Amino acid sequence: IVLAVVVAPQFKLFDRVLMVAFAAVVAW
């Protein structure tokens, strides 16, 4: 979540959502 918020601007919203979704899958 922190990475998705502070990541470089070239990452779009979709990329940021995928980061958090990946973390959610690992947590599951």
mmCIF file of all heavy atoms, coordinates in Angstrom:
data_MODEL
# 
_entry.id   MODEL 
# 
loop_
_atom_site.group_PDB 
_atom_site.id 
_atom_site.type_symbol 
_atom_site.label_atom_id 
_atom_site.label_alt_id 
_atom_site.label_comp_id 
_atom_site.label_asym_id 
_atom_site.label_entity_id 
_atom_site.label_seq_id 
_atom_site.pdbx_PDB_ins_code 
_atom_site.Cartn_x 
_atom_site.Cartn_y 
_atom_site.Cartn_z 
_atom_site.occupancy 
_atom_site.B_iso_or_equiv 
_atom_site.pdbx_formal_charge 
_atom_site.auth_seq_id 
_atom_site.auth_comp_id 
_atom_site.auth_asym_id 
_atom_site.auth_atom_id 
_atom_site.pdbx_PDB_model_num 
ATOM 1   N N   . ILE A 1 1  ? 0.849  -1.197  0.000   1.00 0.00 ? 1  ILE A N   1 
ATOM 2   C CA  . ILE A 1 1  ? 0.000  0.000   0.000   1.00 0.00 ? 1  ILE A CA  1 
ATOM 3   C C   . ILE A 1 1  ? 0.885  1.249   0.000   1.00 0.00 ? 1  ILE A C   1 
ATOM 4   O O   . ILE A 1 1  ? 0.665  2.185   -0.787  1.00 0.00 ? 1  ILE A O   1 
ATOM 5   C CB  . ILE A 1 1  ? -0.968 -0.004  1.201   1.00 0.00 ? 1  ILE A CB  1 
ATOM 6   C CG1 . ILE A 1 1  ? -2.034 -1.076  0.999   1.00 0.00 ? 1  ILE A CG1 1 
ATOM 7   C CG2 . ILE A 1 1  ? -1.605 1.369   1.389   1.00 0.00 ? 1  ILE A CG2 1 
ATOM 8   C CD1 . ILE A 1 1  ? -2.921 -1.312  2.210   1.00 0.00 ? 1  ILE A CD1 1 
ATOM 9   N N   . VAL A 1 2  ? 1.901  1.267   0.860   1.00 0.00 ? 2  VAL A N   1 
ATOM 10  C CA  . VAL A 1 2  ? 2.830  2.406   0.892   1.00 0.00 ? 2  VAL A CA  1 
ATOM 11  C C   . VAL A 1 2  ? 3.532  2.544   -0.449  1.00 0.00 ? 2  VAL A C   1 
ATOM 12  O O   . VAL A 1 2  ? 3.641  3.659   -1.000  1.00 0.00 ? 2  VAL A O   1 
ATOM 13  C CB  . VAL A 1 2  ? 3.853  2.248   2.042   1.00 0.00 ? 2  VAL A CB  1 
ATOM 14  C CG1 . VAL A 1 2  ? 4.980  3.265   1.935   1.00 0.00 ? 2  VAL A CG1 1 
ATOM 15  C CG2 . VAL A 1 2  ? 3.154  2.354   3.389   1.00 0.00 ? 2  VAL A CG2 1 
ATOM 16  N N   . LEU A 1 3  ? 3.995  1.433   -1.003  1.00 0.00 ? 3  LEU A N   1 
ATOM 17  C CA  . LEU A 1 3  ? 4.662  1.466   -2.305  1.00 0.00 ? 3  LEU A CA  1 
ATOM 18  C C   . LEU A 1 3  ? 3.736  1.991   -3.398  1.00 0.00 ? 3  LEU A C   1 
ATOM 19  O O   . LEU A 1 3  ? 4.142  2.796   -4.239  1.00 0.00 ? 3  LEU A O   1 
ATOM 20  C CB  . LEU A 1 3  ? 5.179  0.069   -2.667  1.00 0.00 ? 3  LEU A CB  1 
ATOM 21  C CG  . LEU A 1 3  ? 6.008  -0.043  -3.935  1.00 0.00 ? 3  LEU A CG  1 
ATOM 22  C CD1 . LEU A 1 3  ? 7.289  0.782   -3.807  1.00 0.00 ? 3  LEU A CD1 1 
ATOM 23  C CD2 . LEU A 1 3  ? 6.338  -1.493  -4.217  1.00 0.00 ? 3  LEU A CD2 1 
ATOM 24  N N   . ALA A 1 4  ? 2.483  1.560   -3.368  1.00 0.00 ? 4  ALA A N   1 
ATOM 25  C CA  . ALA A 1 4  ? 1.520  2.017   -4.382  1.00 0.00 ? 4  ALA A CA  1 
ATOM 26  C C   . ALA A 1 4  ? 1.266  3.518   -4.279  1.00 0.00 ? 4  ALA A C   1 
ATOM 27  O O   . ALA A 1 4  ? 0.996  4.177   -5.277  1.00 0.00 ? 4  ALA A O   1 
ATOM 28  C CB  . ALA A 1 4  ? 0.209  1.249   -4.244  1.00 0.00 ? 4  ALA A CB  1 
ATOM 29  N N   . VAL A 1 5  ? 1.373  4.060   -3.077  1.00 0.00 ? 5  VAL A N   1 
ATOM 30  C CA  . VAL A 1 5  ? 1.142  5.500   -2.889  1.00 0.00 ? 5  VAL A CA  1 
ATOM 31  C C   . VAL A 1 5  ? 2.365  6.317   -3.307  1.00 0.00 ? 5  VAL A C   1 
ATOM 32  O O   . VAL A 1 5  ? 2.227  7.366   -3.944  1.00 0.00 ? 5  VAL A O   1 
ATOM 33  C CB  . VAL A 1 5  ? 0.764  5.793   -1.416  1.00 0.00 ? 5  VAL A CB  1 
ATOM 34  C CG1 . VAL A 1 5  ? 0.758  7.290   -1.135  1.00 0.00 ? 5  VAL A CG1 1 
ATOM 35  C CG2 . VAL A 1 5  ? -0.584 5.182   -1.091  1.00 0.00 ? 5  VAL A CG2 1 
ATOM 36  N N   . VAL A 1 6  ? 3.563  5.846   -2.988  1.00 0.00 ? 6  VAL A N   1 
ATOM 37  C CA  . VAL A 1 6  ? 4.767  6.643   -3.227  1.00 0.00 ? 6  VAL A CA  1 
ATOM 38  C C   . VAL A 1 6  ? 5.532  6.263   -4.490  1.00 0.00 ? 6  VAL A C   1 
ATOM 39  O O   . VAL A 1 6  ? 6.564  6.856   -4.774  1.00 0.00 ? 6  VAL A O   1 
ATOM 40  C CB  . VAL A 1 6  ? 5.730  6.581   -2.011  1.00 0.00 ? 6  VAL A CB  1 
ATOM 41  C CG1 . VAL A 1 6  ? 5.060  7.102   -0.767  1.00 0.00 ? 6  VAL A CG1 1 
ATOM 42  C CG2 . VAL A 1 6  ? 6.288  5.197   -1.812  1.00 0.00 ? 6  VAL A CG2 1 
ATOM 43  N N   . VAL A 1 7  ? 5.044  5.314   -5.252  1.00 0.00 ? 7  VAL A N   1 
ATOM 44  C CA  . VAL A 1 7  ? 5.739  4.843   -6.448  1.00 0.00 ? 7  VAL A CA  1 
ATOM 45  C C   . VAL A 1 7  ? 5.849  5.973   -7.487  1.00 0.00 ? 7  VAL A C   1 
ATOM 46  O O   . VAL A 1 7  ? 5.071  6.925   -7.487  1.00 0.00 ? 7  VAL A O   1 
ATOM 47  C CB  . VAL A 1 7  ? 5.029  3.594   -7.023  1.00 0.00 ? 7  VAL A CB  1 
ATOM 48  C CG1 . VAL A 1 7  ? 3.744  3.961   -7.719  1.00 0.00 ? 7  VAL A CG1 1 
ATOM 49  C CG2 . VAL A 1 7  ? 5.937  2.814   -7.941  1.00 0.00 ? 7  VAL A CG2 1 
ATOM 50  N N   . ALA A 1 8  ? 6.815  5.817   -8.350  1.00 0.00 ? 8  ALA A N   1 
ATOM 51  C CA  . ALA A 1 8  ? 7.077  6.833   -9.381  1.00 0.00 ? 8  ALA A CA  1 
ATOM 52  C C   . ALA A 1 8  ? 5.822  7.127   -10.202 1.00 0.00 ? 8  ALA A C   1 
ATOM 53  O O   . ALA A 1 8  ? 4.970  6.249   -10.394 1.00 0.00 ? 8  ALA A O   1 
ATOM 54  C CB  . ALA A 1 8  ? 8.197  6.353   -10.289 1.00 0.00 ? 8  ALA A CB  1 
ATOM 55  N N   . PRO A 1 9  ? 5.712  8.365   -10.679 1.00 0.00 ? 9  PRO A N   1 
ATOM 56  C CA  . PRO A 1 9  ? 4.502  8.784   -11.402 1.00 0.00 ? 9  PRO A CA  1 
ATOM 57  C C   . PRO A 1 9  ? 4.223  8.019   -12.703 1.00 0.00 ? 9  PRO A C   1 
ATOM 58  O O   . PRO A 1 9  ? 3.101  8.036   -13.188 1.00 0.00 ? 9  PRO A O   1 
ATOM 59  C CB  . PRO A 1 9  ? 4.749  10.255  -11.717 1.00 0.00 ? 9  PRO A CB  1 
ATOM 60  C CG  . PRO A 1 9  ? 5.943  10.660  -10.964 1.00 0.00 ? 9  PRO A CG  1 
ATOM 61  C CD  . PRO A 1 9  ? 6.638  9.452   -10.480 1.00 0.00 ? 9  PRO A CD  1 
ATOM 62  N N   . GLN A 1 10 ? 5.219  7.348   -13.274 1.00 0.00 ? 10 GLN A N   1 
ATOM 63  C CA  . GLN A 1 10 ? 4.944  6.618   -14.518 1.00 0.00 ? 10 GLN A CA  1 
ATOM 64  C C   . GLN A 1 10 ? 4.036  5.411   -14.292 1.00 0.00 ? 10 GLN A C   1 
ATOM 65  O O   . GLN A 1 10 ? 3.476  4.873   -15.240 1.00 0.00 ? 10 GLN A O   1 
ATOM 66  C CB  . GLN A 1 10 ? 6.240  6.200   -15.230 1.00 0.00 ? 10 GLN A CB  1 
ATOM 67  C CG  . GLN A 1 10 ? 7.014  5.098   -14.572 1.00 0.00 ? 10 GLN A CG  1 
ATOM 68  C CD  . GLN A 1 10 ? 8.168  5.632   -13.735 1.00 0.00 ? 10 GLN A CD  1 
ATOM 69  O OE1 . GLN A 1 10 ? 8.165  6.771   -13.297 1.00 0.00 ? 10 GLN A OE1 1 
ATOM 70  N NE2 . GLN A 1 10 ? 9.160  4.796   -13.512 1.00 0.00 ? 10 GLN A NE2 1 
ATOM 71  N N   . PHE A 1 11 ? 3.864  4.982   -13.044 1.00 0.00 ? 11 PHE A N   1 
ATOM 72  C CA  . PHE A 1 11 ? 2.929  3.903   -12.744 1.00 0.00 ? 11 PHE A CA  1 
ATOM 73  C C   . PHE A 1 11 ? 1.512  4.474   -12.680 1.00 0.00 ? 11 PHE A C   1 
ATOM 74  O O   . PHE A 1 11 ? 1.256  5.456   -11.996 1.00 0.00 ? 11 PHE A O   1 
ATOM 75  C CB  . PHE A 1 11 ? 3.276  3.228   -11.411 1.00 0.00 ? 11 PHE A CB  1 
ATOM 76  C CG  . PHE A 1 11 ? 4.505  2.364   -11.477 1.00 0.00 ? 11 PHE A CG  1 
ATOM 77  C CD1 . PHE A 1 11 ? 5.749  2.880   -11.137 1.00 0.00 ? 11 PHE A CD1 1 
ATOM 78  C CD2 . PHE A 1 11 ? 4.414  1.048   -11.891 1.00 0.00 ? 11 PHE A CD2 1 
ATOM 79  C CE1 . PHE A 1 11 ? 6.882  2.088   -11.201 1.00 0.00 ? 11 PHE A CE1 1 
ATOM 80  C CE2 . PHE A 1 11 ? 5.543  0.249   -11.954 1.00 0.00 ? 11 PHE A CE2 1 
ATOM 81  C CZ  . PHE A 1 11 ? 6.787  0.775   -11.610 1.00 0.00 ? 11 PHE A CZ  1 
ATOM 82  N N   . LYS A 1 12 ? 0.637  3.862   -13.410 1.00 0.00 ? 12 LYS A N   1 
ATOM 83  C CA  . LYS A 1 12 ? -0.753 4.326   -13.482 1.00 0.00 ? 12 LYS A CA  1 
ATOM 84  C C   . LYS A 1 12 ? -1.567 3.735   -12.329 1.00 0.00 ? 12 LYS A C   1 
ATOM 85  O O   . LYS A 1 12 ? -1.103 2.870   -11.600 1.00 0.00 ? 12 LYS A O   1 
ATOM 86  C CB  . LYS A 1 12 ? -1.381 3.918   -14.823 1.00 0.00 ? 12 LYS A CB  1 
ATOM 87  C CG  . LYS A 1 12 ? -0.615 4.398   -16.027 1.00 0.00 ? 12 LYS A CG  1 
ATOM 88  C CD  . LYS A 1 12 ? -0.637 5.911   -16.086 1.00 0.00 ? 12 LYS A CD  1 
ATOM 89  C CE  . LYS A 1 12 ? 0.133  6.384   -17.305 1.00 0.00 ? 12 LYS A CE  1 
ATOM 90  N NZ  . LYS A 1 12 ? 0.891  7.579   -17.080 1.00 0.00 ? 12 LYS A NZ  1 
ATOM 91  N N   . LEU A 1 13 ? -2.802 4.182   -12.214 1.00 0.00 ? 13 LEU A N   1 
ATOM 92  C CA  . LEU A 1 13 ? -3.699 3.692   -11.168 1.00 0.00 ? 13 LEU A CA  1 
ATOM 93  C C   . LEU A 1 13 ? -3.865 2.179   -11.248 1.00 0.00 ? 13 LEU A C   1 
ATOM 94  O O   . LEU A 1 13 ? -3.851 1.487   -10.228 1.00 0.00 ? 13 LEU A O   1 
ATOM 95  C CB  . LEU A 1 13 ? -5.063 4.385   -11.269 1.00 0.00 ? 13 LEU A CB  1 
ATOM 96  C CG  . LEU A 1 13 ? -6.104 3.920   -10.256 1.00 0.00 ? 13 LEU A CG  1 
ATOM 97  C CD1 . LEU A 1 13 ? -5.642 4.223   -8.836  1.00 0.00 ? 13 LEU A CD1 1 
ATOM 98  C CD2 . LEU A 1 13 ? -7.450 4.552   -10.527 1.00 0.00 ? 13 LEU A CD2 1 
ATOM 99  N N   . PHE A 1 14 ? -3.989 1.666   -12.463 1.00 0.00 ? 14 PHE A N   1 
ATOM 100 C CA  . PHE A 1 14 ? -4.151 0.228   -12.652 1.00 0.00 ? 14 PHE A CA  1 
ATOM 101 C C   . PHE A 1 14 ? -2.963 -0.537  -12.057 1.00 0.00 ? 14 PHE A C   1 
ATOM 102 O O   . PHE A 1 14 ? -3.133 -1.558  -11.380 1.00 0.00 ? 14 PHE A O   1 
ATOM 103 C CB  . PHE A 1 14 ? -4.314 -0.101  -14.141 1.00 0.00 ? 14 PHE A CB  1 
ATOM 104 C CG  . PHE A 1 14 ? -4.481 -1.569  -14.413 1.00 0.00 ? 14 PHE A CG  1 
ATOM 105 C CD1 . PHE A 1 14 ? -5.672 -2.214  -14.103 1.00 0.00 ? 14 PHE A CD1 1 
ATOM 106 C CD2 . PHE A 1 14 ? -3.447 -2.320  -14.958 1.00 0.00 ? 14 PHE A CD2 1 
ATOM 107 C CE1 . PHE A 1 14 ? -5.832 -3.573  -14.340 1.00 0.00 ? 14 PHE A CE1 1 
ATOM 108 C CE2 . PHE A 1 14 ? -3.598 -3.672  -15.203 1.00 0.00 ? 14 PHE A CE2 1 
ATOM 109 C CZ  . PHE A 1 14 ? -4.790 -4.303  -14.899 1.00 0.00 ? 14 PHE A CZ  1 
ATOM 110 N N   . ASP A 1 15 ? -1.740 -0.040  -12.276 1.00 0.00 ? 15 ASP A N   1 
ATOM 111 C CA  . ASP A 1 15 ? -0.534 -0.684  -11.738 1.00 0.00 ? 15 ASP A CA  1 
ATOM 112 C C   . ASP A 1 15 ? -0.545 -0.661  -10.211 1.00 0.00 ? 15 ASP A C   1 
ATOM 113 O O   . ASP A 1 15 ? -0.184 -1.645  -9.558  1.00 0.00 ? 15 ASP A O   1 
ATOM 114 C CB  . ASP A 1 15 ? 0.717  0.026   -12.241 1.00 0.00 ? 15 ASP A CB  1 
ATOM 115 C CG  . ASP A 1 15 ? 0.818  0.007   -13.757 1.00 0.00 ? 15 ASP A CG  1 
ATOM 116 O OD1 . ASP A 1 15 ? 0.513  -1.050  -14.345 1.00 0.00 ? 15 ASP A OD1 1 
ATOM 117 O OD2 . ASP A 1 15 ? 1.200  1.039   -14.333 1.00 0.00 ? 15 ASP A OD2 1 
ATOM 118 N N   . ARG A 1 16 ? -0.965 0.441   -9.667  1.00 0.00 ? 16 ARG A N   1 
ATOM 119 C CA  . ARG A 1 16 ? -1.006 0.586   -8.216  1.00 0.00 ? 16 ARG A CA  1 
ATOM 120 C C   . ARG A 1 16 ? -2.052 -0.353  -7.600  1.00 0.00 ? 16 ARG A C   1 
ATOM 121 O O   . ARG A 1 16 ? -1.818 -0.967  -6.552  1.00 0.00 ? 16 ARG A O   1 
ATOM 122 C CB  . ARG A 1 16 ? -1.306 2.032   -7.846  1.00 0.00 ? 16 ARG A CB  1 
ATOM 123 C CG  . ARG A 1 16 ? -0.201 2.984   -8.274  1.00 0.00 ? 16 ARG A CG  1 
ATOM 124 C CD  . ARG A 1 16 ? -0.656 4.435   -8.196  1.00 0.00 ? 16 ARG A CD  1 
ATOM 125 N NE  . ARG A 1 16 ? 0.264  5.305   -8.873  1.00 0.00 ? 16 ARG A NE  1 
ATOM 126 C CZ  . ARG A 1 16 ? 1.106  6.119   -8.249  1.00 0.00 ? 16 ARG A CZ  1 
ATOM 127 N NH1 . ARG A 1 16 ? 1.115  6.179   -6.939  1.00 0.00 ? 16 ARG A NH1 1 
ATOM 128 N NH2 . ARG A 1 16 ? 1.923  6.886   -8.941  1.00 0.00 ? 16 ARG A NH2 1 
ATOM 129 N N   . VAL A 1 17 ? -3.185 -0.467  -8.250  1.00 0.00 ? 17 VAL A N   1 
ATOM 130 C CA  . VAL A 1 17 ? -4.231 -1.384  -7.769  1.00 0.00 ? 17 VAL A CA  1 
ATOM 131 C C   . VAL A 1 17 ? -3.736 -2.827  -7.840  1.00 0.00 ? 17 VAL A C   1 
ATOM 132 O O   . VAL A 1 17 ? -3.979 -3.634  -6.928  1.00 0.00 ? 17 VAL A O   1 
ATOM 133 C CB  . VAL A 1 17 ? -5.538 -1.191  -8.569  1.00 0.00 ? 17 VAL A CB  1 
ATOM 134 C CG1 . VAL A 1 17 ? -6.535 -2.295  -8.276  1.00 0.00 ? 17 VAL A CG1 1 
ATOM 135 C CG2 . VAL A 1 17 ? -6.138 0.180   -8.271  1.00 0.00 ? 17 VAL A CG2 1 
ATOM 136 N N   . LEU A 1 18 ? -3.021 -3.160  -8.912  1.00 0.00 ? 18 LEU A N   1 
ATOM 137 C CA  . LEU A 1 18 ? -2.478 -4.517  -9.031  1.00 0.00 ? 18 LEU A CA  1 
ATOM 138 C C   . LEU A 1 18 ? -1.467 -4.820  -7.933  1.00 0.00 ? 18 LEU A C   1 
ATOM 139 O O   . LEU A 1 18 ? -1.387 -5.959  -7.459  1.00 0.00 ? 18 LEU A O   1 
ATOM 140 C CB  . LEU A 1 18 ? -1.846 -4.728  -10.403 1.00 0.00 ? 18 LEU A CB  1 
ATOM 141 C CG  . LEU A 1 18 ? -2.827 -5.008  -11.535 1.00 0.00 ? 18 LEU A CG  1 
ATOM 142 C CD1 . LEU A 1 18 ? -2.083 -5.228  -12.847 1.00 0.00 ? 18 LEU A CD1 1 
ATOM 143 C CD2 . LEU A 1 18 ? -3.683 -6.226  -11.223 1.00 0.00 ? 18 LEU A CD2 1 
ATOM 144 N N   . MET A 1 19 ? -0.688 -3.831  -7.529  1.00 0.00 ? 19 MET A N   1 
ATOM 145 C CA  . MET A 1 19 ? 0.260  -4.040  -6.420  1.00 0.00 ? 19 MET A CA  1 
ATOM 146 C C   . MET A 1 19 ? -0.478 -4.437  -5.144  1.00 0.00 ? 19 MET A C   1 
ATOM 147 O O   . MET A 1 19 ? -0.098 -5.391  -4.459  1.00 0.00 ? 19 MET A O   1 
ATOM 148 C CB  . MET A 1 19 ? 1.057  -2.757  -6.147  1.00 0.00 ? 19 MET A CB  1 
ATOM 149 C CG  . MET A 1 19 ? 2.068  -2.414  -7.180  1.00 0.00 ? 19 MET A CG  1 
ATOM 150 S SD  . MET A 1 19 ? 2.807  -0.835  -6.699  1.00 0.00 ? 19 MET A SD  1 
ATOM 151 C CE  . MET A 1 19 ? 4.087  -0.707  -7.905  1.00 0.00 ? 19 MET A CE  1 
ATOM 152 N N   . VAL A 1 20 ? -1.518 -3.699  -4.841  1.00 0.00 ? 20 VAL A N   1 
ATOM 153 C CA  . VAL A 1 20 ? -2.294 -3.983  -3.631  1.00 0.00 ? 20 VAL A CA  1 
ATOM 154 C C   . VAL A 1 20 ? -3.038 -5.312  -3.781  1.00 0.00 ? 20 VAL A C   1 
ATOM 155 O O   . VAL A 1 20 ? -3.131 -6.090  -2.828  1.00 0.00 ? 20 VAL A O   1 
ATOM 156 C CB  . VAL A 1 20 ? -3.248 -2.815  -3.313  1.00 0.00 ? 20 VAL A CB  1 
ATOM 157 C CG1 . VAL A 1 20 ? -4.138 -3.140  -2.129  1.00 0.00 ? 20 VAL A CG1 1 
ATOM 158 C CG2 . VAL A 1 20 ? -2.446 -1.539  -3.056  1.00 0.00 ? 20 VAL A CG2 1 
ATOM 159 N N   . ALA A 1 21 ? -3.541 -5.598  -4.966  1.00 0.00 ? 21 ALA A N   1 
ATOM 160 C CA  . ALA A 1 21 ? -4.233 -6.868  -5.192  1.00 0.00 ? 21 ALA A CA  1 
ATOM 161 C C   . ALA A 1 21 ? -3.273 -8.048  -5.021  1.00 0.00 ? 21 ALA A C   1 
ATOM 162 O O   . ALA A 1 21 ? -3.635 -9.074  -4.435  1.00 0.00 ? 21 ALA A O   1 
ATOM 163 C CB  . ALA A 1 21 ? -4.858 -6.890  -6.586  1.00 0.00 ? 21 ALA A CB  1 
ATOM 164 N N   . PHE A 1 22 ? -2.047 -7.884  -5.517  1.00 0.00 ? 22 PHE A N   1 
ATOM 165 C CA  . PHE A 1 22 ? -1.040 -8.937  -5.335  1.00 0.00 ? 22 PHE A CA  1 
ATOM 166 C C   . PHE A 1 22 ? -0.783 -9.175  -3.847  1.00 0.00 ? 22 PHE A C   1 
ATOM 167 O O   . PHE A 1 22 ? -0.714 -10.319 -3.391  1.00 0.00 ? 22 PHE A O   1 
ATOM 168 C CB  . PHE A 1 22 ? 0.261  -8.565  -6.055  1.00 0.00 ? 22 PHE A CB  1 
ATOM 169 C CG  . PHE A 1 22 ? 1.371  -9.532  -5.788  1.00 0.00 ? 22 PHE A CG  1 
ATOM 170 C CD1 . PHE A 1 22 ? 1.376  -10.792 -6.381  1.00 0.00 ? 22 PHE A CD1 1 
ATOM 171 C CD2 . PHE A 1 22 ? 2.403  -9.203  -4.929  1.00 0.00 ? 22 PHE A CD2 1 
ATOM 172 C CE1 . PHE A 1 22 ? 2.389  -11.698 -6.119  1.00 0.00 ? 22 PHE A CE1 1 
ATOM 173 C CE2 . PHE A 1 22 ? 3.423  -10.105 -4.660  1.00 0.00 ? 22 PHE A CE2 1 
ATOM 174 C CZ  . PHE A 1 22 ? 3.420  -11.351 -5.257  1.00 0.00 ? 22 PHE A CZ  1 
ATOM 175 N N   . ALA A 1 23 ? -0.665 -8.102  -3.096  1.00 0.00 ? 23 ALA A N   1 
ATOM 176 C CA  . ALA A 1 23 ? -0.455 -8.223  -1.652  1.00 0.00 ? 23 ALA A CA  1 
ATOM 177 C C   . ALA A 1 23 ? -1.632 -8.932  -0.995  1.00 0.00 ? 23 ALA A C   1 
ATOM 178 O O   . ALA A 1 23 ? -1.453 -9.746  -0.083  1.00 0.00 ? 23 ALA A O   1 
ATOM 179 C CB  . ALA A 1 23 ? -0.246 -6.844  -1.033  1.00 0.00 ? 23 ALA A CB  1 
ATOM 180 N N   . ALA A 1 24 ? -2.839 -8.638  -1.454  1.00 0.00 ? 24 ALA A N   1 
ATOM 181 C CA  . ALA A 1 24 ? -4.031 -9.287  -0.900  1.00 0.00 ? 24 ALA A CA  1 
ATOM 182 C C   . ALA A 1 24 ? -4.024 -10.790 -1.188  1.00 0.00 ? 24 ALA A C   1 
ATOM 183 O O   . ALA A 1 24 ? -4.397 -11.593 -0.320  1.00 0.00 ? 24 ALA A O   1 
ATOM 184 C CB  . ALA A 1 24 ? -5.294 -8.639  -1.453  1.00 0.00 ? 24 ALA A CB  1 
ATOM 185 N N   . VAL A 1 25 ? -3.584 -11.177 -2.371  1.00 0.00 ? 25 VAL A N   1 
ATOM 186 C CA  . VAL A 1 25 ? -3.513 -12.606 -2.714  1.00 0.00 ? 25 VAL A CA  1 
ATOM 187 C C   . VAL A 1 25 ? -2.475 -13.306 -1.839  1.00 0.00 ? 25 VAL A C   1 
ATOM 188 O O   . VAL A 1 25 ? -2.721 -14.391 -1.309  1.00 0.00 ? 25 VAL A O   1 
ATOM 189 C CB  . VAL A 1 25 ? -3.204 -12.802 -4.218  1.00 0.00 ? 25 VAL A CB  1 
ATOM 190 C CG1 . VAL A 1 25 ? -2.856 -14.246 -4.532  1.00 0.00 ? 25 VAL A CG1 1 
ATOM 191 C CG2 . VAL A 1 25 ? -4.380 -12.344 -5.064  1.00 0.00 ? 25 VAL A CG2 1 
ATOM 192 N N   . VAL A 1 26 ? -1.319 -12.676 -1.658  1.00 0.00 ? 26 VAL A N   1 
ATOM 193 C CA  . VAL A 1 26 ? -0.289 -13.258 -0.798  1.00 0.00 ? 26 VAL A CA  1 
ATOM 194 C C   . VAL A 1 26 ? -0.813 -13.375 0.633   1.00 0.00 ? 26 VAL A C   1 
ATOM 195 O O   . VAL A 1 26 ? -0.629 -14.401 1.293   1.00 0.00 ? 26 VAL A O   1 
ATOM 196 C CB  . VAL A 1 26 ? 1.011  -12.417 -0.856  1.00 0.00 ? 26 VAL A CB  1 
ATOM 197 C CG1 . VAL A 1 26 ? 1.999  -12.876 0.205   1.00 0.00 ? 26 VAL A CG1 1 
ATOM 198 C CG2 . VAL A 1 26 ? 1.635  -12.500 -2.241  1.00 0.00 ? 26 VAL A CG2 1 
ATOM 199 N N   . ALA A 1 27 ? -1.502 -12.357 1.114   1.00 0.00 ? 27 ALA A N   1 
ATOM 200 C CA  . ALA A 1 27 ? -2.069 -12.387 2.463   1.00 0.00 ? 27 ALA A CA  1 
ATOM 201 C C   . ALA A 1 27 ? -3.107 -13.502 2.593   1.00 0.00 ? 27 ALA A C   1 
ATOM 202 O O   . ALA A 1 27 ? -3.175 -14.179 3.625   1.00 0.00 ? 27 ALA A O   1 
ATOM 203 C CB  . ALA A 1 27 ? -2.686 -11.033 2.802   1.00 0.00 ? 27 ALA A CB  1 
ATOM 204 N N   . TRP A 1 28 ? -3.907 -13.715 1.554   1.00 0.00 ? 28 TRP A N   1 
ATOM 205 C CA  . TRP A 1 28 ? -4.905 -14.786 1.575   1.00 0.00 ? 28 TRP A CA  1 
ATOM 206 C C   . TRP A 1 28 ? -4.231 -16.154 1.675   1.00 0.00 ? 28 TRP A C   1 
ATOM 207 O O   . TRP A 1 28 ? -4.660 -17.012 2.463   1.00 0.00 ? 28 TRP A O   1 
ATOM 208 C CB  . TRP A 1 28 ? -5.791 -14.711 0.337   1.00 0.00 ? 28 TRP A CB  1 
ATOM 209 C CG  . TRP A 1 28 ? -6.771 -15.840 0.244   1.00 0.00 ? 28 TRP A CG  1 
ATOM 210 C CD1 . TRP A 1 28 ? -7.922 -15.981 0.943   1.00 0.00 ? 28 TRP A CD1 1 
ATOM 211 C CD2 . TRP A 1 28 ? -6.648 -17.007 -0.585  1.00 0.00 ? 28 TRP A CD2 1 
ATOM 212 N NE1 . TRP A 1 28 ? -8.543 -17.164 0.599   1.00 0.00 ? 28 TRP A NE1 1 
ATOM 213 C CE2 . TRP A 1 28 ? -7.784 -17.809 -0.341  1.00 0.00 ? 28 TRP A CE2 1 
ATOM 214 C CE3 . TRP A 1 28 ? -5.714 -17.434 -1.507  1.00 0.00 ? 28 TRP A CE3 1 
ATOM 215 C CZ2 . TRP A 1 28 ? -7.978 -19.021 -0.972  1.00 0.00 ? 28 TRP A CZ2 1 
ATOM 216 C CZ3 . TRP A 1 28 ? -5.917 -18.648 -2.148  1.00 0.00 ? 28 TRP A CZ3 1 
ATOM 217 C CH2 . TRP A 1 28 ? -7.039 -19.423 -1.878  1.00 0.00 ? 28 TRP A CH2 1 
# 
